Amino acid sequence: MFVQHVNSNIEGIPISLSSDLKPNAFVGVCSKMHIHDDVEILVGYSGVLEIRFEKDSMDIEEGDVVIINRRVPHATDYKVPYTSTILLQFRVEKLRYGEFENMNKYLALMLCSGEREYYYFKKGDIRASEIASVINKMYDENTARERNYEMYVRGYVDILLGTLYRHEILNDISEHYDRDSVRKVWPAIEYIGENYNRDISIEQLASLLKLNSEYFCRLFKRATGVTAVEYINHVRIFKAEKLLTETKDSVLEIAMDVGFSTASYFNLVFKRYRGITPSEYRRCLQG
């Protein structure tokens, strides 16, 4: 298992756009189980690519589209010779930087993610057709690289985001948080980011802003769309994922390291957020 760090490969546009369209008779592992902070979209071009998740898998063929949300473990295998796909990876906060100004990684991850771990649209589904059409045009422009191709690619990126919002595949952040309120609660958000591994009370956070606890809770929910407790747990689970992935520490040790009082409560919260226990998550990533 590995953590993939995605780098932009189109000048001036923070996306990674790639493919394996060259004829190749190889059958077997395409990518081992991995995670990354980017949304990933796969468009089937030929053959059959199997995508494996923690508890599920599917085959993607010509015209099919799979959208994988951020921090979702997955692996891919070529099932037949001459399998090829087009792959797009991106982070919404990098594409729409102005809307995410002064927003940290944890809040951006929470606000931008969709409701599900992945979306699977078969060829013929209007959503598959719309998404595949836009990504194919992006790929063609980037391959031909004619004059001002970057402007065309950037335009298609905006169309793609609009399509993903329209079909409620990704969250439109304008509907989930209030920018002015985020600024007001920012000291509390920073405090959580720096002290997630300690005991944090609502009273502590409210006192940072010189507010009473009841008003602080309402303001934080208006700012982020979640309660302060939910946000604290979100940060802790993100940190726990990293430790489960990159260390051999026990589940109890990780629970303590990220601020949970007991392993049982850590298991409960982790499963609520990820659908499986920390031990199951680690076993999945280890293959």
C-alpha atoms as a PDB file:
ATOM      1  CA  MET A   1       0.000   0.000   0.000  1.00  0.00           C
ATOM      2  CA  PHE A   2       1.229   3.501  -0.676  1.00  0.00           C
ATOM      3  CA  VAL A   3       0.169   7.115  -0.410  1.00  0.00           C
ATOM      4  CA  GLN A   4       0.169   8.675  -3.858  1.00  0.00           C
ATOM      5  CA  HIS A   5       1.260  12.289  -4.180  1.00  0.00           C
ATOM      6  CA  VAL A   6      -0.332  13.688  -7.311  1.00  0.00           C
ATOM      7  CA  ASN A   7       1.507  16.395  -9.251  1.00  0.00           C
ATOM      8  CA  SER A   8       0.075  18.630 -11.954  1.00  0.00           C
ATOM      9  CA  ASN A   9       1.237  17.798 -15.478  1.00  0.00           C
ATOM     10  CA  ILE A  10      -0.379  20.671 -17.395  1.00  0.00           C
ATOM     11  CA  GLU A  11       1.324  24.028 -17.058  1.00  0.00           C
ATOM     12  CA  GLY A  12      -0.741  26.547 -15.116  1.00  0.00           C
ATOM     13  CA  ILE A  13      -3.587  24.117 -14.328  1.00  0.00           C
ATOM     14  CA  PRO A  14      -3.505  22.131 -11.050  1.00  0.00           C
ATOM     15  CA  ILE A  15      -4.686  18.796 -12.466  1.00  0.00           C
ATOM     16  CA  SER A  16      -3.079  15.531 -13.493  1.00  0.00           C
ATOM     17  CA  LEU A  17      -4.346  14.157 -16.807  1.00  0.00           C
ATOM     18  CA  SER A  18      -2.925  10.917 -18.126  1.00  0.00           C
ATOM     19  CA  SER A  19      -3.750   7.733 -20.003  1.00  0.00           C
ATOM     20  CA  ASP A  20      -2.477   4.318 -21.039  1.00  0.00           C
ATOM     21  CA  LEU A  21      -3.849   4.438 -24.596  1.00  0.00           C
ATOM     22  CA  LYS A  22      -0.788   2.920 -26.253  1.00  0.00           C
ATOM     23  CA  PRO A  23      -1.382  -0.732 -27.325  1.00  0.00           C
ATOM     24  CA  ASN A  24      -0.293  -3.060 -24.524  1.00  0.00           C
ATOM     25  CA  ALA A  25      -1.137  -6.740 -24.173  1.00  0.00           C
ATOM     26  CA  PHE A  26      -0.253  -6.762 -20.448  1.00  0.00           C
ATOM     27  CA  VAL A  27      -2.728  -8.349 -18.018  1.00  0.00           C
ATOM     28  CA  GLY A  28      -2.387  -7.958 -14.255  1.00  0.00           C
ATOM     29  CA  VAL A  29      -1.868  -5.287 -11.600  1.00  0.00           C
ATOM     30  CA  CYS A  30      -2.105  -1.710 -12.864  1.00  0.00           C
ATOM     31  CA  SER A  31      -1.838   0.022  -9.477  1.00  0.00           C
ATOM     32  CA  LYS A  32      -1.595  -1.492  -5.996  1.00  0.00           C
ATOM     33  CA  MET A  33      -3.863  -0.409  -3.176  1.00  0.00           C
ATOM     34  CA  HIS A  34      -3.276   3.277  -2.497  1.00  0.00           C
ATOM     35  CA  ILE A  35      -4.878   6.510  -1.332  1.00  0.00           C
ATOM     36  CA  HIS A  36      -4.454  10.178  -2.197  1.00  0.00           C
ATOM     37  CA  ASP A  37      -5.990  13.545  -1.403  1.00  0.00           C
ATOM     38  CA  ASP A  38      -7.275  14.087  -4.941  1.00  0.00           C
ATOM     39  CA  VAL A  39     -10.591  13.278  -6.556  1.00  0.00           C
ATOM     40  CA  GLU A  40      -9.958  10.689  -9.278  1.00  0.00           C
ATOM     41  CA  ILE A  41     -12.019  10.122 -12.422  1.00  0.00           C
ATOM     42  CA  LEU A  42     -11.448   7.126 -14.691  1.00  0.00           C
ATOM     43  CA  VAL A  43     -12.990   6.960 -18.163  1.00  0.00           C
ATOM     44  CA  GLY A  44     -12.978   3.566 -19.864  1.00  0.00           C
ATOM     45  CA  TYR A  45     -11.456   3.585 -23.353  1.00  0.00           C
ATOM     46  CA  SER A  46     -10.927  -0.083 -24.248  1.00  0.00           C
ATOM     47  CA  GLY A  47     -10.735  -3.505 -22.636  1.00  0.00           C
ATOM     48  CA  VAL A  48     -11.687  -4.099 -19.004  1.00  0.00           C
ATOM     49  CA  LEU A  49     -10.139  -2.451 -15.950  1.00  0.00           C
ATOM     50  CA  GLU A  50     -11.101  -3.810 -12.541  1.00  0.00           C
ATOM     51  CA  ILE A  51     -11.239  -1.268  -9.717  1.00  0.00           C
ATOM     52  CA  ARG A  52     -11.033  -2.708  -6.213  1.00  0.00           C
ATOM     53  CA  PHE A  53     -12.120  -0.987  -3.007  1.00  0.00           C
ATOM     54  CA  GLU A  54     -12.143  -2.170   0.597  1.00  0.00           C
ATOM     55  CA  LYS A  55     -15.342  -4.183   0.269  1.00  0.00           C
ATOM     56  CA  ASP A  56     -16.334  -3.859  -3.370  1.00  0.00           C
ATOM     57  CA  SER A  57     -15.085  -3.967  -6.947  1.00  0.00           C
ATOM     58  CA  MET A  58     -16.326  -3.276 -10.442  1.00  0.00           C
ATOM     59  CA  ASP A  59     -15.208  -3.527 -14.063  1.00  0.00           C
ATOM     60  CA  ILE A  60     -14.883  -0.404 -16.168  1.00  0.00           C
ATOM     61  CA  GLU A  61     -15.226  -0.747 -19.930  1.00  0.00           C
ATOM     62  CA  GLU A  62     -15.436   1.627 -22.892  1.00  0.00           C
ATOM     63  CA  GLY A  63     -17.615   4.638 -22.059  1.00  0.00           C
ATOM     64  CA  ASP A  64     -17.972   3.791 -18.359  1.00  0.00           C
ATOM     65  CA  VAL A  65     -16.999   6.376 -15.744  1.00  0.00           C
ATOM     66  CA  VAL A  66     -15.870   5.860 -12.154  1.00  0.00           C
ATOM     67  CA  ILE A  67     -15.351   8.806  -9.786  1.00  0.00           C
ATOM     68  CA  ILE A  68     -13.349   8.003  -6.648  1.00  0.00           C
ATOM     69  CA  ASN A  69     -13.554  10.387  -3.733  1.00  0.00           C
ATOM     70  CA  ARG A  70     -10.598  11.634  -1.751  1.00  0.00           C
ATOM     71  CA  ARG A  71      -8.821   9.398   0.798  1.00  0.00           C
ATOM     72  CA  VAL A  72     -10.613   6.286  -0.507  1.00  0.00           C
ATOM     73  CA  PRO A  73      -8.301   3.229  -0.740  1.00  0.00           C
ATOM     74  CA  HIS A  74      -8.419   1.601  -4.179  1.00  0.00           C
ATOM     75  CA  ALA A  75      -6.413  -0.545  -6.591  1.00  0.00           C
ATOM     76  CA  THR A  76      -6.724  -1.374 -10.299  1.00  0.00           C
ATOM     77  CA  ASP A  77      -6.017  -4.416 -12.478  1.00  0.00           C
ATOM     78  CA  TYR A  78      -5.959  -4.958 -16.247  1.00  0.00           C
ATOM     79  CA  LYS A  79      -8.322  -7.892 -16.792  1.00  0.00           C
ATOM     80  CA  VAL A  80      -7.847  -8.342 -20.546  1.00  0.00           C
ATOM     81  CA  PRO A  81      -5.113  -7.360 -23.031  1.00  0.00           C
ATOM     82  CA  TYR A  82      -5.145  -3.885 -24.556  1.00  0.00           C
ATOM     83  CA  THR A  83      -7.042  -2.312 -21.679  1.00  0.00           C
ATOM     84  CA  SER A  84      -6.768   1.462 -21.539  1.00  0.00           C
ATOM     85  CA  THR A  85      -8.351   4.375 -19.684  1.00  0.00           C
ATOM     86  CA  ILE A  86      -8.077   8.129 -19.294  1.00  0.00           C
ATOM     87  CA  LEU A  87      -7.299   9.290 -15.764  1.00  0.00           C
ATOM     88  CA  LEU A  88      -7.975  12.728 -14.266  1.00  0.00           C
ATOM     89  CA  GLN A  89      -6.969  13.718 -10.718  1.00  0.00           C
ATOM     90  CA  PHE A  90      -7.557  17.076  -9.028  1.00  0.00           C
ATOM     91  CA  ARG A  91      -8.355  18.973  -5.835  1.00  0.00           C
ATOM     92  CA  VAL A  92     -11.235  21.398  -5.995  1.00  0.00           C
ATOM     93  CA  GLU A  93      -9.585  23.856  -3.604  1.00  0.00           C
ATOM     94  CA  LYS A  94      -6.672  24.258  -6.018  1.00  0.00           C
ATOM     95  CA  LEU A  95      -8.964  24.827  -8.983  1.00  0.00           C
ATOM     96  CA  ARG A  96     -11.140  27.333  -7.137  1.00  0.00           C
ATOM     97  CA  TYR A  97      -8.503  28.870  -4.911  1.00  0.00           C
ATOM     98  CA  GLY A  98     -10.346  32.142  -4.306  1.00  0.00           C
ATOM     99  CA  GLU A  99     -13.205  30.343  -2.597  1.00  0.00           C
ATOM    100  CA  PHE A 100     -10.823  28.422  -0.359  1.00  0.00           C
ATOM    101  CA  GLU A 101      -8.582  31.301   0.654  1.00  0.00           C
ATOM    102  CA  ASN A 102      -7.299  30.824   4.206  1.00  0.00           C
ATOM    103  CA  MET A 103      -8.876  27.359   4.407  1.00  0.00           C
ATOM    104  CA  ASN A 104      -6.788  24.491   5.739  1.00  0.00           C
ATOM    105  CA  LYS A 105      -6.440  21.004   4.287  1.00  0.00           C
ATOM    106  CA  TYR A 106      -8.807  19.310   6.737  1.00  0.00           C
ATOM    107  CA  LEU A 107     -11.678  21.703   6.186  1.00  0.00           C
ATOM    108  CA  ALA A 108     -11.193  21.576   2.413  1.00  0.00           C
ATOM    109  CA  LEU A 109     -11.215  17.769   2.443  1.00  0.00           C
ATOM    110  CA  MET A 110     -14.410  17.729   4.445  1.00  0.00           C
ATOM    111  CA  LEU A 111     -16.256  20.371   2.432  1.00  0.00           C
ATOM    112  CA  CYS A 112     -15.318  19.120  -1.046  1.00  0.00           C
ATOM    113  CA  SER A 113     -15.951  15.417  -0.670  1.00  0.00           C
ATOM    114  CA  GLY A 114     -19.094  13.867  -2.063  1.00  0.00           C
ATOM    115  CA  GLU A 115     -21.575  11.845  -0.084  1.00  0.00           C
ATOM    116  CA  ARG A 116     -20.190   8.483  -1.249  1.00  0.00           C
ATOM    117  CA  GLU A 117     -16.795   6.842  -1.603  1.00  0.00           C
ATOM    118  CA  TYR A 118     -17.238   6.404  -5.339  1.00  0.00           C
ATOM    119  CA  TYR A 119     -19.701   6.780  -8.208  1.00  0.00           C
ATOM    120  CA  TYR A 120     -19.999   4.236 -11.023  1.00  0.00           C
ATOM    121  CA  PHE A 121     -21.804   5.256 -14.200  1.00  0.00           C
ATOM    122  CA  LYS A 122     -22.213   2.778 -17.040  1.00  0.00           C
ATOM    123  CA  LYS A 123     -22.031   3.741 -20.699  1.00  0.00           C
ATOM    124  CA  GLY A 124     -25.396   5.171 -21.749  1.00  0.00           C
ATOM    125  CA  ASP A 125     -26.021   6.909 -18.430  1.00  0.00           C
ATOM    126  CA  ILE A 126     -26.353  10.645 -19.111  1.00  0.00           C
ATOM    127  CA  ARG A 127     -23.828  11.358 -16.358  1.00  0.00           C
ATOM    128  CA  ALA A 128     -21.257   9.016 -17.894  1.00  0.00           C
ATOM    129  CA  SER A 129     -21.799  10.584 -21.311  1.00  0.00           C
ATOM    130  CA  GLU A 130     -21.417  14.163 -20.078  1.00  0.00           C
ATOM    131  CA  ILE A 131     -18.352  13.480 -17.928  1.00  0.00           C
ATOM    132  CA  ALA A 132     -16.598  11.289 -20.501  1.00  0.00           C
ATOM    133  CA  SER A 133     -17.230  13.840 -23.250  1.00  0.00           C
ATOM    134  CA  VAL A 134     -15.608  16.674 -21.297  1.00  0.00           C
ATOM    135  CA  ILE A 135     -12.598  14.620 -20.176  1.00  0.00           C
ATOM    136  CA  ASN A 136     -12.034  13.274 -23.692  1.00  0.00           C
ATOM    137  CA  LYS A 137     -11.964  16.846 -25.006  1.00  0.00           C
ATOM    138  CA  MET A 138      -9.492  17.838 -22.279  1.00  0.00           C
ATOM    139  CA  TYR A 139      -7.307  14.895 -23.216  1.00  0.00           C
ATOM    140  CA  ASP A 140      -7.456  15.667 -26.950  1.00  0.00           C
ATOM    141  CA  GLU A 141      -6.497  19.302 -26.361  1.00  0.00           C
ATOM    142  CA  ASN A 142      -3.619  18.342 -24.081  1.00  0.00           C
ATOM    143  CA  THR A 143      -2.375  15.765 -26.579  1.00  0.00           C
ATOM    144  CA  ALA A 144      -2.552  18.028 -29.644  1.00  0.00           C
ATOM    145  CA  ARG A 145      -1.169  21.037 -27.728  1.00  0.00           C
ATOM    146  CA  GLU A 146      -2.179  23.541 -30.357  1.00  0.00           C
ATOM    147  CA  ARG A 147      -1.974  27.262 -29.706  1.00  0.00           C
ATOM    148  CA  ASN A 148      -3.650  28.303 -26.411  1.00  0.00           C
ATOM    149  CA  TYR A 149      -4.573  24.698 -25.602  1.00  0.00           C
ATOM    150  CA  GLU A 150      -4.236  25.483 -21.877  1.00  0.00           C
ATOM    151  CA  MET A 151      -7.159  27.917 -22.103  1.00  0.00           C
ATOM    152  CA  TYR A 152      -9.296  25.204 -23.672  1.00  0.00           C
ATOM    153  CA  VAL A 153      -8.326  22.695 -20.998  1.00  0.00           C
ATOM    154  CA  ARG A 154      -9.077  25.230 -18.261  1.00  0.00           C
ATOM    155  CA  GLY A 155     -12.481  25.893 -19.790  1.00  0.00           C
ATOM    156  CA  TYR A 156     -13.270  22.177 -19.868  1.00  0.00           C
ATOM    157  CA  VAL A 157     -12.206  21.908 -16.211  1.00  0.00           C
ATOM    158  CA  ASP A 158     -14.845  24.501 -15.293  1.00  0.00           C
ATOM    159  CA  ILE A 159     -17.473  22.641 -17.343  1.00  0.00           C
ATOM    160  CA  LEU A 160     -16.521  19.395 -15.605  1.00  0.00           C
ATOM    161  CA  LEU A 161     -16.854  20.951 -12.146  1.00  0.00           C
ATOM    162  CA  GLY A 162     -20.234  22.375 -13.114  1.00  0.00           C
ATOM    163  CA  THR A 163     -21.327  18.921 -14.278  1.00  0.00           C
ATOM    164  CA  LEU A 164     -20.173  17.276 -11.042  1.00  0.00           C
ATOM    165  CA  TYR A 165     -22.013  19.910  -8.987  1.00  0.00           C
ATOM    166  CA  ARG A 166     -25.167  19.724 -11.088  1.00  0.00           C
ATOM    167  CA  HIS A 167     -25.404  15.972 -10.599  1.00  0.00           C
ATOM    168  CA  GLU A 168     -24.528  16.350  -6.887  1.00  0.00           C
ATOM    169  CA  ILE A 169     -21.470  14.127  -7.245  1.00  0.00           C
ATOM    170  CA  LEU A 170     -19.253  16.669  -5.482  1.00  0.00           C
ATOM    171  CA  ASN A 171     -20.358  19.176  -2.882  1.00  0.00           C
ATOM    172  CA  ASP A 172     -20.640  22.760  -4.052  1.00  0.00           C
ATOM    173  CA  ILE A 173     -18.901  24.520  -1.182  1.00  0.00           C
ATOM    174  CA  SER A 174     -21.023  27.639  -1.564  1.00  0.00           C
ATOM    175  CA  GLU A 175     -23.923  25.553  -0.260  1.00  0.00           C
ATOM    176  CA  HIS A 176     -22.057  24.128   2.721  1.00  0.00           C
ATOM    177  CA  TYR A 177     -20.248  26.938   4.437  1.00  0.00           C
ATOM    178  CA  ASP A 178     -20.374  30.649   5.071  1.00  0.00           C
ATOM    179  CA  ARG A 179     -17.104  32.428   4.305  1.00  0.00           C
ATOM    180  CA  ASP A 180     -17.624  35.266   6.782  1.00  0.00           C
ATOM    181  CA  SER A 181     -18.453  32.788   9.531  1.00  0.00           C
ATOM    182  CA  VAL A 182     -15.343  30.749   8.676  1.00  0.00           C
ATOM    183  CA  ARG A 183     -13.220  33.845   9.254  1.00  0.00           C
ATOM    184  CA  LYS A 184     -14.871  34.365  12.633  1.00  0.00           C
ATOM    185  CA  VAL A 185     -14.224  30.804  13.830  1.00  0.00           C
ATOM    186  CA  TRP A 186     -10.796  30.514  12.212  1.00  0.00           C
ATOM    187  CA  PRO A 187      -8.875  30.755  15.530  1.00  0.00           C
ATOM    188  CA  ALA A 188     -10.831  27.720  16.734  1.00  0.00           C
ATOM    189  CA  ILE A 189     -10.142  25.821  13.486  1.00  0.00           C
ATOM    190  CA  GLU A 190      -6.424  26.569  13.807  1.00  0.00           C
ATOM    191  CA  TYR A 191      -6.457  25.532  17.455  1.00  0.00           C
ATOM    192  CA  ILE A 192      -8.036  22.182  16.561  1.00  0.00           C
ATOM    193  CA  GLY A 193      -5.444  21.612  13.854  1.00  0.00           C
ATOM    194  CA  GLU A 194      -2.611  22.213  16.312  1.00  0.00           C
ATOM    195  CA  ASN A 195      -4.118  20.446  19.343  1.00  0.00           C
ATOM    196  CA  TYR A 196      -6.240  17.609  17.896  1.00  0.00           C
ATOM    197  CA  ASN A 197      -4.265  15.078  19.994  1.00  0.00           C
ATOM    198  CA  ARG A 198      -5.309  16.746  23.257  1.00  0.00           C
ATOM    199  CA  ASP A 199      -8.593  16.908  25.093  1.00  0.00           C
ATOM    200  CA  ILE A 200     -10.513  19.803  23.480  1.00  0.00           C
ATOM    201  CA  SER A 201     -13.724  21.131  24.995  1.00  0.00           C
ATOM    202  CA  ILE A 202     -16.360  23.347  23.457  1.00  0.00           C
ATOM    203  CA  GLU A 203     -15.774  25.773  26.315  1.00  0.00           C
ATOM    204  CA  GLN A 204     -12.091  26.089  25.357  1.00  0.00           C
ATOM    205  CA  LEU A 205     -12.921  26.807  21.743  1.00  0.00           C
ATOM    206  CA  ALA A 206     -15.627  29.298  22.652  1.00  0.00           C
ATOM    207  CA  SER A 207     -13.283  31.139  24.997  1.00  0.00           C
ATOM    208  CA  LEU A 208     -10.785  31.633  22.149  1.00  0.00           C
ATOM    209  CA  LEU A 209     -13.416  33.709  20.386  1.00  0.00           C
ATOM    210  CA  LYS A 210     -14.735  35.272  23.590  1.00  0.00           C
ATOM    211  CA  LEU A 211     -18.163  33.769  22.932  1.00  0.00           C
ATOM    212  CA  ASN A 212     -20.543  31.744  25.051  1.00  0.00           C
ATOM    213  CA  SER A 213     -20.636  28.045  24.194  1.00  0.00           C
ATOM    214  CA  GLU A 214     -24.157  28.030  22.771  1.00  0.00           C
ATOM    215  CA  TYR A 215     -23.508  30.862  20.299  1.00  0.00           C
ATOM    216  CA  PHE A 216     -20.112  29.397  19.352  1.00  0.00           C
ATOM    217  CA  CYS A 217     -21.726  26.069  18.448  1.00  0.00           C
ATOM    218  CA  ARG A 218     -24.278  27.769  16.206  1.00  0.00           C
ATOM    219  CA  LEU A 219     -21.589  29.907  14.556  1.00  0.00           C
ATOM    220  CA  PHE A 220     -19.263  26.942  13.946  1.00  0.00           C
ATOM    221  CA  LYS A 221     -22.075  24.887  12.387  1.00  0.00           C
ATOM    222  CA  ARG A 222     -23.043  27.820  10.141  1.00  0.00           C
ATOM    223  CA  ALA A 223     -19.404  28.273   9.130  1.00  0.00           C
ATOM    224  CA  THR A 224     -18.535  24.684   8.286  1.00  0.00           C
ATOM    225  CA  GLY A 225     -21.776  22.745   7.988  1.00  0.00           C
ATOM    226  CA  VAL A 226     -20.771  20.417  10.841  1.00  0.00           C
ATOM    227  CA  THR A 227     -20.541  20.672  14.610  1.00  0.00           C
ATOM    228  CA  ALA A 228     -17.239  21.424  16.329  1.00  0.00           C
ATOM    229  CA  VAL A 229     -17.141  17.875  17.705  1.00  0.00           C
ATOM    230  CA  GLU A 230     -17.666  16.422  14.220  1.00  0.00           C
ATOM    231  CA  TYR A 231     -14.881  18.604  12.884  1.00  0.00           C
ATOM    232  CA  ILE A 232     -12.482  17.566  15.665  1.00  0.00           C
ATOM    233  CA  ASN A 233     -13.212  13.923  14.879  1.00  0.00           C
ATOM    234  CA  HIS A 234     -12.726  14.596  11.157  1.00  0.00           C
ATOM    235  CA  VAL A 235      -9.205  15.921  11.802  1.00  0.00           C
ATOM    236  CA  ARG A 236      -8.387  13.067  14.172  1.00  0.00           C
ATOM    237  CA  ILE A 237      -9.538  10.421  11.689  1.00  0.00           C
ATOM    238  CA  PHE A 238      -7.495  12.036   8.925  1.00  0.00           C
ATOM    239  CA  LYS A 239      -4.414  11.914  11.167  1.00  0.00           C
ATOM    240  CA  ALA A 240      -5.214   8.321  12.169  1.00  0.00           C
ATOM    241  CA  GLU A 241      -5.402   7.266   8.508  1.00  0.00           C
ATOM    242  CA  LYS A 242      -1.891   8.561   8.002  1.00  0.00           C
ATOM    243  CA  LEU A 243      -0.570   6.618  10.991  1.00  0.00           C
ATOM    244  CA  LEU A 244      -2.410   3.430   9.962  1.00  0.00           C
ATOM    245  CA  THR A 245      -0.870   3.776   6.522  1.00  0.00           C
ATOM    246  CA  GLU A 246       2.673   4.810   7.360  1.00  0.00           C
ATOM    247  CA  THR A 247       3.440   3.169  10.744  1.00  0.00           C
ATOM    248  CA  LYS A 248       3.153  -0.195  12.467  1.00  0.00           C
ATOM    249  CA  ASP A 249       1.803   1.337  15.669  1.00  0.00           C
ATOM    250  CA  SER A 250      -1.052  -0.551  17.313  1.00  0.00           C
ATOM    251  CA  VAL A 251      -4.624   0.674  17.022  1.00  0.00           C
ATOM    252  CA  LEU A 252      -4.541   1.623  20.715  1.00  0.00           C
ATOM    253  CA  GLU A 253      -1.325   3.619  20.250  1.00  0.00           C
ATOM    254  CA  ILE A 254      -2.796   5.439  17.261  1.00  0.00           C
ATOM    255  CA  ALA A 255      -6.016   6.147  19.149  1.00  0.00           C
ATOM    256  CA  MET A 256      -4.019   7.788  21.929  1.00  0.00           C
ATOM    257  CA  ASP A 257      -1.749   9.650  19.495  1.00  0.00           C
ATOM    258  CA  VAL A 258      -4.635  11.360  17.727  1.00  0.00           C
ATOM    259  CA  GLY A 259      -6.584  12.298  20.841  1.00  0.00           C
ATOM    260  CA  PHE A 260      -9.152   9.559  21.465  1.00  0.00           C
ATOM    261  CA  SER A 261      -9.574   8.543  25.087  1.00  0.00           C
ATOM    262  CA  THR A 262     -10.146   4.837  24.383  1.00  0.00           C
ATOM    263  CA  ALA A 263      -9.572   2.386  21.536  1.00  0.00           C
ATOM    264  CA  SER A 264     -13.258   1.421  21.565  1.00  0.00           C
ATOM    265  CA  TYR A 265     -14.377   5.016  20.987  1.00  0.00           C
ATOM    266  CA  PHE A 266     -11.741   5.389  18.260  1.00  0.00           C
ATOM    267  CA  ASN A 267     -13.088   2.242  16.569  1.00  0.00           C
ATOM    268  CA  LEU A 268     -16.640   3.571  16.797  1.00  0.00           C
ATOM    269  CA  VAL A 269     -15.810   6.977  15.302  1.00  0.00           C
ATOM    270  CA  PHE A 270     -13.498   5.566  12.624  1.00  0.00           C
ATOM    271  CA  LYS A 271     -16.177   3.140  11.453  1.00  0.00           C
ATOM    272  CA  ARG A 272     -18.762   5.924  11.421  1.00  0.00           C
ATOM    273  CA  TYR A 273     -16.537   8.012   9.140  1.00  0.00           C
ATOM    274  CA  ARG A 274     -14.963   5.277   6.991  1.00  0.00           C
ATOM    275  CA  GLY A 275     -17.442   2.405   7.128  1.00  0.00           C
ATOM    276  CA  ILE A 276     -14.883  -0.070   8.510  1.00  0.00           C
ATOM    277  CA  THR A 277     -12.762  -0.397  11.657  1.00  0.00           C
ATOM    278  CA  PRO A 278      -9.148   0.839  11.819  1.00  0.00           C
ATOM    279  CA  SER A 279      -7.890  -2.767  11.779  1.00  0.00           C
ATOM    280  CA  GLU A 280      -9.954  -3.582   8.683  1.00  0.00           C
ATOM    281  CA  TYR A 281      -8.704  -0.407   7.028  1.00  0.00           C
ATOM    282  CA  ARG A 282      -5.082  -1.374   7.655  1.00  0.00           C
ATOM    283  CA  ARG A 283      -5.596  -4.956   6.454  1.00  0.00           C
ATOM    284  CA  CYS A 284      -7.173  -3.668   3.276  1.00  0.00           C
ATOM    285  CA  LEU A 285      -4.246  -1.385   2.558  1.00  0.00           C
ATOM    286  CA  GLN A 286      -1.756  -4.157   3.220  1.00  0.00           C
ATOM    287  CA  GLY A 287      -3.429  -6.244   0.551  1.00  0.00           C
END
